[in-house]
Amino acid sequence: MSTDPHPAETPRALVLAIILAGYAMAVLDVSIVMAALPTIHHVLGFSATGLSWVVNAYALTFGGLLLVGARAGDLLGRRRMFVFGIGLFTLASLATGLAQSPAWMIGARALQGVGAAILAPATLALLSTNFPEGSERTTAMAAYGAVAGVATAAGLVLGGLFTDVLSWRVGFLLNVPIGIAAIAVTYWKVAESRDPNATRIDWGGLVTFSSALFLLVLALVRGNEEGWGSPVIVSLFAAAAVLLAAFFAIERRVAEPMLPLGFFRRRAFTGVQLAAFAVSGSMAWRVSTLRLTGSPPGAG
């Protein structure tokens, strides 16, 4: 439901470009940091195991707060949360690019994850509200899914190029002017929308899902370090499974679920989620190889 009349005439192509640009920012940084890890390890003095937390800190906050960001958009406004997410992500990118110590870097990356958790679900919601069901929405969703793969590949290339030619910091600092421009264009050109039926927070779903994702991501990023069959990792996976089961049971009963299960019957929605899962999985596997070698690739 639109609340701003003046952005209503904005061409949908421009709206799509704005949404995809915001989503691409979050995806690009995941792969850019992978290319820069060897240099970050050397410059900031990370230990071999501590280096993985440059990626893990982002993954934990992003995964744990993703559904919170989605619900906030329903209640407070998708455009508002999109702008807030980009703003927080941009600020965290500045902090990451200026990092002078491992603790500073990890803290800034965790904040980036929070911004991405707010930004990412808002992009998908804005697509649904700005593109009607049918060919237009299908095309927009296909472009959204393609961004994940293209931005991941581009991030690896750009990250390596920036690191070799300029500085590893450039990949993060470039987010600042891009983020500011995206905020300005979004505010003036994208209509606000919120779910008129959203009046309350599903606390049971919020707690169970966020906790399950946090434990699942923690198990994945610590699996090689602890051993995949270790009591710690097995317990984390088991606890995550129990919490996910509790989440789905809650979502079937509550009047205003955090995640309506009917969404998974939509091919476009399911396809986008599978694409995002594949990209995230490849990044998690890349991080796990850092532990297997005991030092970042290419570090010397």
Protein backbone atom coordinates (compact mmCIF):
# COMPACT_ATOMS: atom_id res chain seq x y z
CA MET A 1 0.00 0.00 0.00
CA SER A 2 1.65 3.23 -1.18
CA THR A 3 1.76 6.24 1.12
CA ASP A 4 3.77 8.63 -1.06
CA PRO A 5 1.93 9.85 -4.19
CA HIS A 6 4.85 11.52 -5.97
CA PRO A 7 7.05 8.44 -6.60
CA ALA A 8 4.14 6.53 -8.14
CA GLU A 9 5.03 7.63 -11.70
CA THR A 10 8.63 6.48 -11.41
CA PRO A 11 9.49 4.06 -14.25
CA ARG A 12 9.63 0.50 -12.96
CA ALA A 13 13.01 0.02 -14.64
CA LEU A 14 14.47 2.69 -12.36
CA VAL A 15 12.84 1.18 -9.29
CA LEU A 16 14.26 -2.22 -10.22
CA ALA A 17 17.72 -0.72 -10.75
CA ILE A 18 17.63 0.90 -7.29
CA ILE A 19 16.51 -2.31 -5.61
CA LEU A 20 19.09 -4.44 -7.39
CA ALA A 21 21.84 -1.94 -6.62
CA GLY A 22 21.07 -2.17 -2.91
CA TYR A 23 21.04 -5.97 -3.00
CA ALA A 24 24.24 -6.07 -5.07
CA MET A 25 26.05 -3.97 -2.44
CA ALA A 26 25.48 -6.61 0.20
CA VAL A 27 26.42 -9.51 -2.08
CA LEU A 28 29.49 -7.81 -3.55
CA ASP A 29 31.06 -7.20 -0.16
CA VAL A 30 30.90 -10.88 0.71
CA SER A 31 33.07 -11.84 -2.25
CA ILE A 32 35.24 -8.70 -2.22
CA VAL A 33 36.37 -9.50 1.31
CA MET A 34 37.25 -13.05 0.24
CA ALA A 35 39.70 -11.74 -2.35
CA ALA A 36 41.19 -9.29 0.16
CA LEU A 37 41.61 -11.75 3.06
CA PRO A 38 45.32 -12.54 2.51
CA THR A 39 46.22 -8.85 2.55
CA ILE A 40 43.93 -8.11 5.51
CA HIS A 41 45.62 -10.96 7.37
CA HIS A 42 49.04 -9.41 6.80
CA VAL A 43 48.18 -5.72 7.27
CA LEU A 44 46.00 -5.98 10.38
CA GLY A 45 47.92 -8.84 12.01
CA PHE A 46 45.16 -11.44 12.19
CA SER A 47 45.87 -14.92 13.44
CA ALA A 48 45.06 -17.77 11.03
CA THR A 49 41.92 -18.75 12.96
CA GLY A 50 40.93 -15.16 13.77
CA LEU A 51 40.95 -14.26 10.09
CA SER A 52 37.88 -16.39 9.38
CA TRP A 53 35.84 -14.15 11.70
CA VAL A 54 36.12 -11.35 9.15
CA VAL A 55 33.56 -13.42 7.22
CA ASN A 56 31.90 -15.25 10.12
CA ALA A 57 30.95 -12.07 12.01
CA TYR A 58 29.02 -10.90 8.96
CA ALA A 59 27.38 -14.27 8.43
CA LEU A 60 26.24 -14.63 12.05
CA THR A 61 24.57 -11.23 12.36
CA PHE A 62 23.10 -11.42 8.87
CA GLY A 63 21.64 -14.90 9.36
CA GLY A 64 20.45 -14.31 12.90
CA LEU A 65 18.63 -11.05 12.16
CA LEU A 66 17.32 -11.66 8.64
CA LEU A 67 13.73 -12.40 9.60
CA VAL A 68 13.75 -9.52 12.10
CA GLY A 69 14.60 -7.17 9.24
CA ALA A 70 11.78 -8.59 7.14
CA ARG A 71 9.20 -8.10 9.87
CA ALA A 72 10.42 -4.58 10.60
CA GLY A 73 9.74 -3.71 6.95
CA ASP A 74 6.17 -5.00 7.19
CA LEU A 75 5.48 -2.97 10.32
CA LEU A 76 7.52 0.20 9.79
CA GLY A 77 7.67 0.49 6.00
CA ARG A 78 9.72 -1.32 3.38
CA ARG A 79 11.25 1.82 1.86
CA ARG A 80 12.12 3.15 5.31
CA MET A 81 13.91 -0.07 6.27
CA PHE A 82 15.58 -0.29 2.86
CA VAL A 83 17.03 3.19 3.37
CA PHE A 84 17.95 2.45 6.99
CA GLY A 85 19.62 -0.82 5.96
CA ILE A 86 21.66 0.85 3.23
CA GLY A 87 22.60 3.66 5.62
CA LEU A 88 23.80 1.25 8.30
CA PHE A 89 25.60 -0.90 5.73
CA THR A 90 27.29 2.19 4.27
CA LEU A 91 28.40 3.41 7.70
CA ALA A 92 29.74 -0.05 8.55
CA SER A 93 31.54 -0.19 5.19
CA LEU A 94 33.29 3.07 6.05
CA ALA A 95 34.32 1.64 9.42
CA THR A 96 35.54 -1.56 7.73
CA GLY A 97 37.59 0.36 5.19
CA LEU A 98 39.23 2.39 7.96
CA ALA A 99 39.87 -0.58 10.28
CA GLN A 100 43.20 -0.50 12.12
CA SER A 101 42.98 -3.69 14.19
CA PRO A 102 41.41 -7.17 14.10
CA ALA A 103 38.81 -6.24 16.74
CA TRP A 104 37.83 -3.10 14.82
CA MET A 105 37.54 -5.06 11.58
CA ILE A 106 35.42 -7.85 13.08
CA GLY A 107 33.11 -5.37 14.83
CA ALA A 108 32.60 -3.40 11.64
CA ARG A 109 31.88 -6.57 9.67
CA ALA A 110 29.31 -7.64 12.26
CA LEU A 111 27.61 -4.24 11.85
CA GLN A 112 27.64 -4.72 8.09
CA GLY A 113 25.79 -7.99 8.64
CA VAL A 114 23.12 -6.17 10.65
CA GLY A 115 22.68 -3.65 7.84
CA ALA A 116 22.45 -6.43 5.27
CA ALA A 117 19.85 -8.26 7.37
CA ILE A 118 17.67 -5.14 7.25
CA LEU A 119 18.43 -4.34 3.61
CA ALA A 120 18.06 -7.75 1.94
CA PRO A 121 14.45 -8.60 2.92
CA ALA A 122 13.38 -5.03 2.14
CA THR A 123 14.65 -5.42 -1.43
CA LEU A 124 12.53 -8.53 -1.97
CA ALA A 125 9.47 -6.89 -0.39
CA LEU A 126 9.87 -3.80 -2.57
CA LEU A 127 9.99 -6.00 -5.65
CA SER A 128 6.68 -7.60 -4.67
CA THR A 129 4.97 -4.26 -4.01
CA ASN A 130 6.28 -2.44 -7.09
CA PHE A 131 5.79 -5.20 -9.66
CA PRO A 132 2.36 -6.81 -10.18
CA GLU A 133 1.99 -10.57 -10.36
CA GLY A 134 2.63 -11.96 -13.79
CA SER A 135 5.40 -11.48 -16.32
CA GLU A 136 6.69 -8.23 -14.79
CA ARG A 137 7.23 -9.75 -11.36
CA THR A 138 8.70 -12.92 -12.82
CA THR A 139 11.20 -10.88 -14.83
CA ALA A 140 12.09 -8.77 -11.80
CA MET A 141 12.55 -11.86 -9.63
CA ALA A 142 14.76 -13.46 -12.29
CA ALA A 143 16.94 -10.36 -12.38
CA TYR A 144 17.09 -10.38 -8.58
CA GLY A 145 18.24 -13.99 -8.54
CA ALA A 146 20.82 -13.34 -11.26
CA VAL A 147 22.36 -10.49 -9.25
CA ALA A 148 23.55 -12.93 -6.60
CA GLY A 149 25.68 -14.91 -9.02
CA VAL A 150 26.90 -11.96 -11.08
CA ALA A 151 27.77 -9.82 -8.05
CA THR A 152 29.61 -12.71 -6.39
CA ALA A 153 31.79 -13.27 -9.44
CA ALA A 154 32.32 -9.54 -9.96
CA GLY A 155 33.24 -9.10 -6.31
CA LEU A 156 36.04 -11.65 -6.53
CA VAL A 157 37.47 -9.93 -9.60
CA LEU A 158 37.10 -6.41 -8.21
CA GLY A 159 38.41 -7.40 -4.81
CA GLY A 160 41.56 -8.84 -6.34
CA LEU A 161 41.97 -5.84 -8.65
CA PHE A 162 41.56 -3.27 -5.88
CA THR A 163 43.91 -5.17 -3.60
CA ASP A 164 46.66 -5.53 -6.22
CA VAL A 165 46.41 -2.10 -7.85
CA LEU A 166 45.07 0.26 -5.16
CA SER A 167 44.25 -1.01 -1.67
CA TRP A 168 42.01 -3.65 -0.08
CA ARG A 169 40.23 -0.76 1.64
CA VAL A 170 38.91 0.64 -1.65
CA GLY A 171 36.36 -2.16 -2.05
CA PHE A 172 34.67 -1.10 1.19
CA LEU A 173 35.10 2.66 0.90
CA LEU A 174 33.43 2.68 -2.53
CA ASN A 175 30.21 1.69 -0.79
CA VAL A 176 30.06 5.12 0.82
CA PRO A 177 29.28 7.27 -2.28
CA ILE A 178 27.19 4.45 -3.78
CA GLY A 179 25.20 4.08 -0.56
CA ILE A 180 24.59 7.83 -0.25
CA ALA A 181 23.39 8.02 -3.86
CA ALA A 182 21.12 4.99 -3.39
CA ILE A 183 19.56 6.52 -0.28
CA ALA A 184 18.85 9.81 -2.05
CA VAL A 185 17.32 8.20 -5.14
CA THR A 186 15.29 5.72 -3.08
CA TYR A 187 13.83 8.44 -0.88
CA TRP A 188 12.68 10.50 -3.83
CA LYS A 189 11.77 7.84 -6.37
CA VAL A 190 10.45 4.77 -4.53
CA ALA A 191 7.02 4.75 -2.92
CA GLU A 192 6.63 3.69 0.70
CA SER A 193 4.69 0.55 1.45
CA ARG A 194 3.89 -1.60 4.46
CA ASP A 195 1.74 -4.60 5.19
CA PRO A 196 -1.69 -3.26 6.25
CA ASN A 197 -2.39 -6.55 8.01
CA ALA A 198 0.78 -6.47 10.11
CA THR A 199 -0.14 -5.19 13.56
CA ARG A 200 1.95 -7.31 15.93
CA ILE A 201 5.25 -9.12 16.26
CA ASP A 202 5.32 -12.90 16.26
CA TRP A 203 7.74 -13.18 19.16
CA GLY A 204 7.71 -16.97 19.21
CA GLY A 205 8.63 -17.16 15.53
CA LEU A 206 11.16 -14.37 15.88
CA VAL A 207 13.05 -16.00 18.75
CA THR A 208 13.00 -19.56 17.40
CA PHE A 209 13.98 -18.69 13.83
CA SER A 210 16.70 -16.18 14.74
CA SER A 211 18.18 -18.56 17.31
CA ALA A 212 18.05 -21.49 14.87
CA LEU A 213 19.83 -19.54 12.13
CA PHE A 214 22.45 -18.26 14.55
CA LEU A 215 23.23 -21.78 15.79
CA LEU A 216 23.20 -23.22 12.27
CA VAL A 217 25.61 -20.61 10.91
CA LEU A 218 27.82 -21.02 13.98
CA ALA A 219 27.98 -24.78 13.40
CA LEU A 220 28.85 -24.30 9.73
CA VAL A 221 31.62 -21.79 10.33
CA ARG A 222 33.18 -23.76 13.20
CA GLY A 223 32.74 -27.24 11.71
CA ASN A 224 36.28 -27.68 10.40
CA GLU A 225 37.85 -26.17 13.47
CA GLU A 226 35.96 -28.34 15.97
CA GLY A 227 35.47 -31.39 13.75
CA TRP A 228 32.16 -32.15 12.05
CA GLY A 229 31.49 -35.11 14.33
CA SER A 230 32.45 -33.35 17.54
CA PRO A 231 29.88 -33.08 20.36
CA VAL A 232 29.88 -29.29 20.03
CA ILE A 233 29.01 -29.24 16.31
CA VAL A 234 26.52 -32.09 16.55
CA SER A 235 24.81 -30.32 19.46
CA LEU A 236 24.63 -27.07 17.50
CA PHE A 237 23.04 -28.78 14.50
CA ALA A 238 20.60 -30.67 16.73
CA ALA A 239 19.58 -27.52 18.61
CA ALA A 240 19.11 -25.65 15.32
CA ALA A 241 16.91 -28.46 13.97
CA VAL A 242 14.74 -28.47 17.10
CA LEU A 243 14.33 -24.71 16.96
CA LEU A 244 13.44 -24.79 13.25
CA ALA A 245 10.82 -27.45 13.91
CA ALA A 246 9.40 -25.29 16.69
CA PHE A 247 9.40 -22.30 14.34
CA PHE A 248 7.38 -24.09 11.64
CA ALA A 249 4.95 -25.37 14.25
CA ILE A 250 4.44 -21.84 15.55
CA GLU A 251 4.02 -20.37 12.05
CA ARG A 252 1.19 -22.79 11.28
CA ARG A 253 -0.84 -21.53 14.23
CA VAL A 254 -0.26 -17.80 14.69
CA ALA A 255 -2.55 -15.25 13.06
CA GLU A 256 0.35 -13.08 11.82
CA PRO A 257 3.29 -15.41 11.09
CA MET A 258 6.80 -14.07 10.65
CA LEU A 259 7.11 -16.15 7.49
CA PRO A 260 3.87 -17.27 5.81
CA LEU A 261 4.62 -20.83 4.72
CA GLY A 262 2.51 -20.35 1.59
CA PHE A 263 5.38 -18.31 0.12
CA PHE A 264 7.26 -21.53 -0.58
CA ARG A 265 4.55 -22.55 -3.06
CA ARG A 266 5.58 -19.61 -5.25
CA ARG A 267 8.24 -20.65 -7.75
CA ALA A 268 9.82 -17.20 -8.00
CA PHE A 269 10.19 -16.88 -4.23
CA THR A 270 11.59 -20.39 -3.81
CA GLY A 271 13.96 -19.92 -6.75
CA VAL A 272 15.42 -16.72 -5.30
CA GLN A 273 15.93 -18.38 -1.92
CA LEU A 274 17.67 -21.39 -3.48
CA ALA A 275 19.96 -19.09 -5.45
CA ALA A 276 20.84 -17.12 -2.32
CA PHE A 277 21.44 -20.39 -0.43
CA ALA A 278 23.80 -21.63 -3.16
CA VAL A 279 25.83 -18.41 -3.07
CA SER A 280 25.97 -18.38 0.73
CA GLY A 281 26.94 -22.04 0.77
CA SER A 282 29.82 -21.46 -1.63
CA MET A 283 31.09 -18.63 0.55
CA ALA A 284 30.82 -20.77 3.69
CA TRP A 285 32.79 -23.53 1.99
CA ARG A 286 35.46 -21.03 0.97
CA VAL A 287 35.76 -19.87 4.56
CA SER A 288 36.06 -23.45 5.75
CA THR A 289 39.09 -23.96 3.50
CA LEU A 290 40.86 -21.22 5.42
CA ARG A 291 40.74 -23.37 8.53
CA LEU A 292 41.86 -26.45 6.67
CA THR A 293 45.03 -24.76 5.50
CA GLY A 294 45.57 -23.00 8.80
CA SER A 295 46.50 -19.76 7.00
CA PRO A 296 44.94 -17.57 4.36
CA PRO A 297 45.63 -18.53 0.77
CA GLY A 298 48.42 -16.52 -0.75
CA ALA A 299 49.56 -15.08 2.57
CA GLY A 300 53.25 -14.78 2.97
